[in-house]
N, C-alpha and C. Protein backbone atom coordinates (compact mmCIF):
# COMPACT_ATOMS: atom_id res chain seq x y z
N UNK A 1 -116.59 167.33 -86.10
CA UNK A 1 -117.25 167.03 -84.86
C UNK A 1 -116.49 167.66 -83.69
N UNK A 2 -115.17 167.70 -83.79
CA UNK A 2 -114.39 168.34 -82.73
C UNK A 2 -114.79 169.81 -82.57
N UNK A 3 -115.04 170.49 -83.68
CA UNK A 3 -115.46 171.89 -83.62
C UNK A 3 -116.80 172.01 -82.90
N UNK A 4 -117.71 171.10 -83.15
CA UNK A 4 -119.00 171.12 -82.47
C UNK A 4 -118.86 170.90 -80.98
N UNK A 5 -118.06 169.93 -80.60
CA UNK A 5 -117.88 169.64 -79.18
C UNK A 5 -117.10 170.72 -78.46
N UNK A 6 -116.35 171.55 -79.20
CA UNK A 6 -115.61 172.65 -78.59
C UNK A 6 -116.49 173.87 -78.33
N UNK A 7 -117.71 173.87 -78.82
CA UNK A 7 -118.61 175.02 -78.66
C UNK A 7 -118.92 175.26 -77.18
N UNK A 8 -119.22 176.50 -76.83
CA UNK A 8 -119.61 176.77 -75.45
C UNK A 8 -120.94 176.11 -75.12
N UNK A 9 -121.17 175.88 -73.83
CA UNK A 9 -122.47 175.36 -73.39
C UNK A 9 -122.84 176.01 -72.07
N UNK A 10 -124.13 176.26 -71.90
CA UNK A 10 -124.62 176.92 -70.69
C UNK A 10 -124.21 176.18 -69.43
N UNK A 11 -123.56 176.88 -68.53
CA UNK A 11 -123.07 176.31 -67.26
C UNK A 11 -122.20 175.07 -67.48
N UNK A 12 -121.61 174.96 -68.65
CA UNK A 12 -120.74 173.86 -69.03
C UNK A 12 -121.40 172.49 -68.82
N UNK A 13 -122.71 172.42 -69.06
CA UNK A 13 -123.43 171.14 -68.91
C UNK A 13 -123.15 170.19 -70.08
N UNK A 14 -122.63 170.72 -71.19
CA UNK A 14 -122.22 169.90 -72.34
C UNK A 14 -123.34 168.94 -72.75
N UNK A 15 -124.49 169.54 -73.07
CA UNK A 15 -125.69 168.77 -73.40
C UNK A 15 -125.70 168.20 -74.81
N UNK A 16 -124.75 168.60 -75.64
CA UNK A 16 -124.73 168.18 -77.04
C UNK A 16 -123.80 166.99 -77.25
N UNK A 17 -124.31 165.99 -77.98
CA UNK A 17 -123.51 164.84 -78.40
C UNK A 17 -123.71 164.66 -79.90
N UNK A 18 -122.82 163.92 -80.54
CA UNK A 18 -122.84 163.80 -82.00
C UNK A 18 -122.62 162.37 -82.44
N UNK A 19 -123.24 162.01 -83.56
CA UNK A 19 -122.98 160.72 -84.20
C UNK A 19 -122.69 161.00 -85.67
N UNK A 20 -121.50 160.61 -86.14
CA UNK A 20 -121.18 160.70 -87.57
C UNK A 20 -121.57 159.39 -88.22
N UNK A 21 -122.18 159.50 -89.38
CA UNK A 21 -122.60 158.31 -90.12
C UNK A 21 -122.03 158.41 -91.54
N UNK A 22 -121.24 157.41 -91.93
CA UNK A 22 -120.73 157.37 -93.30
C UNK A 22 -120.84 155.97 -93.91
N UNK A 23 -121.40 155.02 -93.16
CA UNK A 23 -121.59 153.66 -93.64
C UNK A 23 -122.79 153.65 -94.58
N UNK A 24 -122.62 153.29 -95.86
CA UNK A 24 -123.69 153.41 -96.85
C UNK A 24 -125.01 152.73 -96.48
N UNK A 25 -124.97 151.54 -95.92
CA UNK A 25 -126.21 150.84 -95.57
C UNK A 25 -126.96 151.57 -94.44
N UNK A 26 -126.22 152.08 -93.49
CA UNK A 26 -126.84 152.82 -92.39
C UNK A 26 -127.42 154.14 -92.90
N UNK A 27 -126.68 154.83 -93.78
CA UNK A 27 -127.21 156.05 -94.40
C UNK A 27 -128.51 155.75 -95.15
N UNK A 28 -128.54 154.64 -95.85
CA UNK A 28 -129.75 154.25 -96.60
C UNK A 28 -130.93 154.07 -95.65
N UNK A 29 -130.72 153.40 -94.53
CA UNK A 29 -131.79 153.18 -93.54
C UNK A 29 -132.28 154.52 -92.99
N UNK A 30 -131.37 155.42 -92.70
CA UNK A 30 -131.75 156.73 -92.18
C UNK A 30 -132.55 157.51 -93.21
N UNK A 31 -132.10 157.49 -94.45
CA UNK A 31 -132.79 158.25 -95.50
C UNK A 31 -134.16 157.67 -95.82
N UNK A 32 -134.39 156.42 -95.51
CA UNK A 32 -135.72 155.83 -95.73
C UNK A 32 -136.78 156.46 -94.82
N UNK A 33 -136.38 157.02 -93.68
CA UNK A 33 -137.35 157.64 -92.77
C UNK A 33 -137.38 159.17 -92.88
N UNK A 34 -136.47 159.75 -93.63
CA UNK A 34 -136.43 161.21 -93.81
C UNK A 34 -137.33 161.57 -94.98
N UNK A 35 -138.55 161.96 -94.66
CA UNK A 35 -139.55 162.30 -95.68
C UNK A 35 -140.14 163.67 -95.40
N UNK A 36 -140.21 164.56 -96.40
CA UNK A 36 -139.68 164.39 -97.74
C UNK A 36 -138.15 164.30 -97.70
N UNK A 37 -137.58 163.62 -98.69
CA UNK A 37 -136.14 163.36 -98.68
C UNK A 37 -135.31 164.63 -98.83
N UNK A 38 -134.22 164.69 -98.07
CA UNK A 38 -133.24 165.77 -98.18
C UNK A 38 -131.85 165.20 -97.89
N UNK A 39 -130.86 165.71 -98.56
CA UNK A 39 -129.47 165.37 -98.28
C UNK A 39 -129.05 163.97 -98.65
N UNK A 40 -129.84 163.28 -99.47
CA UNK A 40 -129.53 161.88 -99.73
C UNK A 40 -128.30 161.65 -100.61
N UNK A 41 -127.83 162.67 -101.30
CA UNK A 41 -126.64 162.47 -102.13
C UNK A 41 -125.34 162.67 -101.33
N UNK A 42 -125.45 163.16 -100.11
CA UNK A 42 -124.25 163.37 -99.28
C UNK A 42 -123.71 162.02 -98.81
N UNK A 43 -122.39 161.84 -98.85
CA UNK A 43 -121.80 160.57 -98.44
C UNK A 43 -121.69 160.40 -96.92
N UNK A 44 -122.07 161.43 -96.17
CA UNK A 44 -122.00 161.34 -94.71
C UNK A 44 -123.01 162.31 -94.10
N UNK A 45 -123.29 162.08 -92.82
CA UNK A 45 -124.12 163.03 -92.07
C UNK A 45 -123.65 163.03 -90.63
N UNK A 46 -123.90 164.15 -89.99
CA UNK A 46 -123.66 164.26 -88.55
C UNK A 46 -125.02 164.44 -87.90
N UNK A 47 -125.35 163.54 -86.98
CA UNK A 47 -126.60 163.64 -86.23
C UNK A 47 -126.30 164.31 -84.90
N UNK A 48 -127.12 165.30 -84.57
CA UNK A 48 -126.92 166.10 -83.36
C UNK A 48 -127.92 165.65 -82.31
N UNK A 49 -127.39 165.27 -81.16
CA UNK A 49 -128.21 164.81 -80.04
C UNK A 49 -128.14 165.83 -78.91
N UNK A 50 -129.20 165.90 -78.12
CA UNK A 50 -129.19 166.75 -76.95
C UNK A 50 -129.78 166.02 -75.77
N UNK A 51 -129.39 166.46 -74.60
CA UNK A 51 -130.00 166.02 -73.35
C UNK A 51 -130.55 167.27 -72.67
N UNK A 52 -131.76 167.17 -72.18
CA UNK A 52 -132.42 168.30 -71.50
C UNK A 52 -132.00 168.28 -70.03
N UNK A 53 -130.84 168.86 -69.75
CA UNK A 53 -130.26 168.87 -68.41
C UNK A 53 -130.46 170.25 -67.78
N UNK A 54 -131.13 170.32 -66.62
CA UNK A 54 -131.27 171.62 -65.96
C UNK A 54 -129.90 172.20 -65.62
N UNK A 55 -129.78 173.51 -65.78
CA UNK A 55 -128.50 174.18 -65.51
C UNK A 55 -128.73 175.26 -64.45
N UNK A 56 -128.72 176.49 -64.84
CA UNK A 56 -128.83 177.61 -63.92
C UNK A 56 -130.29 177.87 -63.55
N UNK A 57 -130.59 177.89 -62.26
CA UNK A 57 -131.95 178.12 -61.76
C UNK A 57 -132.98 177.22 -62.45
N UNK A 58 -132.60 175.98 -62.62
CA UNK A 58 -133.45 174.96 -63.26
C UNK A 58 -133.79 175.26 -64.71
N UNK A 59 -133.08 176.21 -65.33
CA UNK A 59 -133.27 176.47 -66.76
C UNK A 59 -132.35 175.55 -67.54
N UNK A 60 -132.83 175.14 -68.70
CA UNK A 60 -132.07 174.26 -69.58
C UNK A 60 -131.60 175.08 -70.78
N UNK A 61 -130.35 174.92 -71.13
CA UNK A 61 -129.78 175.66 -72.26
C UNK A 61 -129.45 174.75 -73.43
N UNK A 62 -130.13 173.62 -73.52
CA UNK A 62 -129.82 172.64 -74.56
C UNK A 62 -129.94 173.24 -75.96
N UNK A 63 -130.98 174.02 -76.23
CA UNK A 63 -131.16 174.60 -77.57
C UNK A 63 -130.00 175.52 -77.92
N UNK A 64 -129.59 176.34 -76.97
CA UNK A 64 -128.45 177.23 -77.22
C UNK A 64 -127.17 176.42 -77.41
N UNK A 65 -127.01 175.36 -76.61
CA UNK A 65 -125.80 174.54 -76.69
C UNK A 65 -125.67 173.89 -78.06
N UNK A 66 -126.74 173.21 -78.51
CA UNK A 66 -126.61 172.52 -79.80
C UNK A 66 -126.57 173.49 -80.96
N UNK A 67 -127.18 174.67 -80.80
CA UNK A 67 -127.10 175.68 -81.87
C UNK A 67 -125.66 176.16 -82.04
N UNK A 68 -124.97 176.40 -80.94
CA UNK A 68 -123.57 176.81 -81.01
C UNK A 68 -122.71 175.70 -81.63
N UNK A 69 -122.98 174.47 -81.25
CA UNK A 69 -122.22 173.34 -81.80
C UNK A 69 -122.44 173.22 -83.31
N UNK A 70 -123.70 173.36 -83.74
CA UNK A 70 -124.02 173.24 -85.16
C UNK A 70 -123.33 174.35 -85.96
N UNK A 71 -123.39 175.57 -85.47
CA UNK A 71 -122.76 176.68 -86.20
C UNK A 71 -121.25 176.45 -86.30
N UNK A 72 -120.62 176.01 -85.22
CA UNK A 72 -119.18 175.71 -85.28
C UNK A 72 -118.90 174.66 -86.35
N UNK A 73 -119.73 173.61 -86.39
CA UNK A 73 -119.50 172.55 -87.37
C UNK A 73 -119.74 173.04 -88.78
N UNK A 74 -120.79 173.82 -89.02
CA UNK A 74 -121.06 174.33 -90.37
C UNK A 74 -119.90 175.17 -90.88
N UNK A 75 -119.38 176.04 -90.03
CA UNK A 75 -118.24 176.87 -90.44
C UNK A 75 -117.01 176.01 -90.74
N UNK A 76 -116.77 175.01 -89.92
CA UNK A 76 -115.60 174.14 -90.12
C UNK A 76 -115.77 173.27 -91.36
N UNK A 77 -116.98 172.78 -91.60
CA UNK A 77 -117.25 171.96 -92.78
C UNK A 77 -116.90 172.74 -94.05
N UNK A 78 -117.32 173.99 -94.12
CA UNK A 78 -117.01 174.83 -95.29
C UNK A 78 -115.51 175.10 -95.37
N UNK A 79 -114.89 175.37 -94.24
CA UNK A 79 -113.45 175.62 -94.21
C UNK A 79 -112.66 174.41 -94.73
N UNK A 80 -113.20 173.22 -94.51
CA UNK A 80 -112.54 172.00 -94.98
C UNK A 80 -112.86 171.67 -96.44
N UNK A 81 -113.66 172.53 -97.09
CA UNK A 81 -113.96 172.35 -98.51
C UNK A 81 -115.22 171.57 -98.82
N UNK A 82 -116.05 171.34 -97.82
CA UNK A 82 -117.30 170.61 -98.02
C UNK A 82 -118.49 171.57 -97.84
N UNK A 83 -119.68 171.05 -97.98
CA UNK A 83 -120.89 171.83 -97.78
C UNK A 83 -121.83 171.04 -96.86
N UNK A 84 -122.77 171.76 -96.26
CA UNK A 84 -123.75 171.12 -95.41
C UNK A 84 -124.95 172.03 -95.28
N UNK A 85 -125.93 171.59 -94.53
CA UNK A 85 -127.13 172.37 -94.26
C UNK A 85 -127.70 171.89 -92.93
N UNK A 86 -128.30 172.79 -92.19
CA UNK A 86 -128.87 172.51 -90.88
C UNK A 86 -130.31 172.07 -91.08
N UNK A 87 -130.60 170.80 -90.82
CA UNK A 87 -131.98 170.28 -90.90
C UNK A 87 -132.46 169.95 -89.49
N UNK A 88 -133.34 170.79 -88.99
CA UNK A 88 -133.88 170.59 -87.65
C UNK A 88 -135.40 170.49 -87.67
N UNK A 89 -136.08 171.56 -88.06
CA UNK A 89 -137.54 171.55 -88.07
C UNK A 89 -138.10 170.42 -88.91
N UNK A 90 -137.38 170.08 -89.95
CA UNK A 90 -137.78 169.00 -90.85
C UNK A 90 -137.92 167.66 -90.12
N UNK A 91 -137.15 167.46 -89.06
CA UNK A 91 -137.18 166.16 -88.38
C UNK A 91 -137.76 166.22 -86.97
N UNK A 92 -138.08 167.41 -86.47
CA UNK A 92 -138.60 167.51 -85.10
C UNK A 92 -140.07 167.88 -85.05
N UNK A 93 -140.73 167.98 -86.19
CA UNK A 93 -142.15 168.34 -86.18
C UNK A 93 -143.01 167.13 -85.84
N UNK A 94 -144.28 167.17 -86.18
CA UNK A 94 -145.23 166.12 -85.81
C UNK A 94 -144.85 164.73 -86.31
N UNK A 95 -144.10 164.65 -87.40
CA UNK A 95 -143.71 163.35 -87.95
C UNK A 95 -142.71 162.60 -87.06
N UNK A 96 -142.03 163.33 -86.18
CA UNK A 96 -141.05 162.73 -85.26
C UNK A 96 -139.98 161.91 -86.00
N UNK A 97 -139.52 162.44 -87.11
CA UNK A 97 -138.48 161.76 -87.89
C UNK A 97 -137.21 161.58 -87.06
N UNK A 98 -136.88 162.57 -86.24
CA UNK A 98 -135.70 162.46 -85.38
C UNK A 98 -135.77 161.25 -84.47
N UNK A 99 -136.96 160.94 -83.96
CA UNK A 99 -137.13 159.76 -83.10
C UNK A 99 -136.88 158.49 -83.90
N UNK A 100 -137.35 158.45 -85.14
CA UNK A 100 -137.13 157.28 -85.99
C UNK A 100 -135.64 157.10 -86.28
N UNK A 101 -134.97 158.22 -86.56
CA UNK A 101 -133.53 158.16 -86.82
C UNK A 101 -132.80 157.68 -85.57
N UNK A 102 -133.21 158.19 -84.41
CA UNK A 102 -132.56 157.81 -83.15
C UNK A 102 -132.69 156.31 -82.90
N UNK A 103 -133.86 155.75 -83.18
CA UNK A 103 -134.04 154.30 -82.98
C UNK A 103 -133.09 153.51 -83.88
N UNK A 104 -132.95 153.94 -85.13
CA UNK A 104 -132.04 153.26 -86.05
C UNK A 104 -130.61 153.29 -85.53
N UNK A 105 -130.24 154.40 -84.90
CA UNK A 105 -128.86 154.58 -84.41
C UNK A 105 -128.66 154.06 -82.99
N UNK A 106 -129.71 153.54 -82.35
CA UNK A 106 -129.57 153.00 -81.00
C UNK A 106 -129.38 154.06 -79.93
N UNK A 107 -129.94 155.24 -80.15
CA UNK A 107 -129.80 156.35 -79.20
C UNK A 107 -130.67 156.08 -77.96
N UNK A 108 -130.12 156.20 -76.76
CA UNK A 108 -130.91 156.00 -75.54
C UNK A 108 -132.05 157.02 -75.42
N UNK A 109 -133.08 156.67 -74.66
CA UNK A 109 -134.27 157.51 -74.52
C UNK A 109 -134.00 158.85 -73.86
N UNK A 110 -132.93 158.99 -73.09
CA UNK A 110 -132.67 160.28 -72.44
C UNK A 110 -131.92 161.26 -73.34
N UNK A 111 -131.75 160.91 -74.60
CA UNK A 111 -131.20 161.80 -75.62
C UNK A 111 -132.27 162.05 -76.66
N UNK A 112 -132.21 163.21 -77.30
CA UNK A 112 -133.12 163.55 -78.39
C UNK A 112 -132.30 163.89 -79.63
N UNK A 113 -132.63 163.29 -80.76
CA UNK A 113 -131.95 163.62 -82.01
C UNK A 113 -132.69 164.82 -82.60
N UNK A 114 -132.04 165.98 -82.59
CA UNK A 114 -132.71 167.24 -82.94
C UNK A 114 -132.33 167.80 -84.31
N UNK A 115 -131.28 167.27 -84.91
CA UNK A 115 -130.80 167.86 -86.15
C UNK A 115 -129.89 166.87 -86.86
N UNK A 116 -129.80 167.02 -88.18
CA UNK A 116 -128.73 166.33 -88.89
C UNK A 116 -128.15 167.25 -89.94
N UNK A 117 -126.87 167.05 -90.18
CA UNK A 117 -126.12 167.82 -91.15
C UNK A 117 -125.59 166.86 -92.21
N UNK A 118 -126.17 166.86 -93.43
CA UNK A 118 -125.54 166.08 -94.49
C UNK A 118 -124.21 166.75 -94.82
N UNK A 119 -123.19 165.97 -95.09
CA UNK A 119 -121.86 166.52 -95.37
C UNK A 119 -121.32 165.90 -96.65
N UNK A 120 -120.91 166.76 -97.58
CA UNK A 120 -120.33 166.29 -98.83
C UNK A 120 -119.90 167.44 -99.70
N UNK A 121 -119.51 167.12 -100.90
CA UNK A 121 -119.15 168.15 -101.89
C UNK A 121 -120.43 168.65 -102.54
N UNK A 122 -120.50 169.93 -102.80
CA UNK A 122 -121.68 170.51 -103.45
C UNK A 122 -121.76 170.06 -104.90
N UNK A 123 -122.97 169.77 -105.34
CA UNK A 123 -123.18 169.38 -106.74
C UNK A 123 -123.06 170.59 -107.67
N UNK A 124 -123.31 171.77 -107.11
CA UNK A 124 -123.17 173.02 -107.86
C UNK A 124 -122.77 174.10 -106.86
N UNK A 125 -122.42 175.26 -107.36
CA UNK A 125 -122.03 176.36 -106.48
C UNK A 125 -123.25 176.76 -105.64
N UNK A 126 -123.13 176.70 -104.31
CA UNK A 126 -124.27 177.05 -103.46
C UNK A 126 -124.69 178.51 -103.67
N UNK A 127 -125.98 178.72 -103.74
CA UNK A 127 -126.53 180.07 -103.89
C UNK A 127 -126.72 180.67 -102.50
N UNK A 128 -126.08 181.78 -102.25
CA UNK A 128 -126.21 182.45 -100.97
C UNK A 128 -127.54 183.21 -100.97
N UNK A 129 -128.39 182.98 -99.95
CA UNK A 129 -129.67 183.68 -99.92
C UNK A 129 -129.49 185.19 -99.78
N UNK A 130 -130.40 185.94 -100.33
CA UNK A 130 -130.34 187.40 -100.24
C UNK A 130 -130.58 187.80 -98.79
N UNK A 131 -129.72 188.65 -98.29
CA UNK A 131 -129.81 189.13 -96.91
C UNK A 131 -130.19 190.60 -96.90
N UNK A 132 -130.89 191.01 -95.86
CA UNK A 132 -131.18 192.43 -95.66
C UNK A 132 -129.86 193.15 -95.45
N UNK A 133 -129.85 194.44 -95.70
CA UNK A 133 -128.61 195.22 -95.54
C UNK A 133 -128.23 195.31 -94.06
N UNK A 134 -126.96 195.58 -93.83
CA UNK A 134 -126.45 195.78 -92.49
C UNK A 134 -127.29 196.82 -91.75
N UNK A 135 -127.57 197.94 -92.42
CA UNK A 135 -128.29 199.05 -91.80
C UNK A 135 -129.71 198.67 -91.39
N UNK A 136 -130.29 197.66 -92.02
CA UNK A 136 -131.65 197.22 -91.66
C UNK A 136 -131.68 196.33 -90.43
N UNK A 137 -130.49 195.82 -90.03
CA UNK A 137 -130.49 194.83 -88.96
C UNK A 137 -129.48 195.08 -87.85
N UNK A 138 -128.62 196.06 -88.00
CA UNK A 138 -127.59 196.29 -86.99
C UNK A 138 -127.39 197.78 -86.77
N UNK A 139 -127.26 198.17 -85.51
CA UNK A 139 -127.11 199.58 -85.15
C UNK A 139 -126.09 199.72 -84.03
N UNK A 140 -125.66 200.94 -83.82
CA UNK A 140 -124.72 201.25 -82.75
C UNK A 140 -125.41 202.12 -81.72
N UNK A 141 -125.20 201.83 -80.47
CA UNK A 141 -125.64 202.65 -79.34
C UNK A 141 -127.15 202.82 -79.25
N UNK A 142 -127.89 201.85 -79.63
CA UNK A 142 -129.35 201.88 -79.50
C UNK A 142 -130.04 201.41 -80.76
N UNK A 143 -131.30 201.07 -80.64
CA UNK A 143 -132.08 200.56 -81.74
C UNK A 143 -132.29 201.65 -82.78
N UNK A 144 -131.86 201.38 -84.01
CA UNK A 144 -131.98 202.26 -85.17
C UNK A 144 -131.36 203.64 -84.97
N UNK A 145 -130.36 203.73 -84.11
CA UNK A 145 -129.63 205.00 -83.96
C UNK A 145 -128.70 205.17 -85.15
N UNK A 146 -128.61 206.36 -85.68
CA UNK A 146 -127.73 206.63 -86.81
C UNK A 146 -126.53 207.42 -86.37
């Protein structure tokens, strides 16, 4: 969580907050509203909260802020010998699962629960998804310059 909170934020508005959950009964309550189920074998989760605070020229950088925090945490989680996954769209779509999770955790209305990261040991060696080659996605001195 320290790595997440150390992430940069637009105009230093620090719109990202975090809740770690490792209490088994509370995890059970949270997983009852996460449908379809994901991450239920993890012994802990980090819930990512955001506040939509205007920053520069009334623009809000909350999405960028929490994205940077999540990436910092994912890298640190792996460095510490654990695994995780970024679940956002799964809980922020029409089902409003994030809102249900927020109510269980007592999150105030001016915060939005936008993501959760299950944290634990991998049951098997994680399969790295196939990525396009460097040359297909990165160039020097202009788009597709060789």
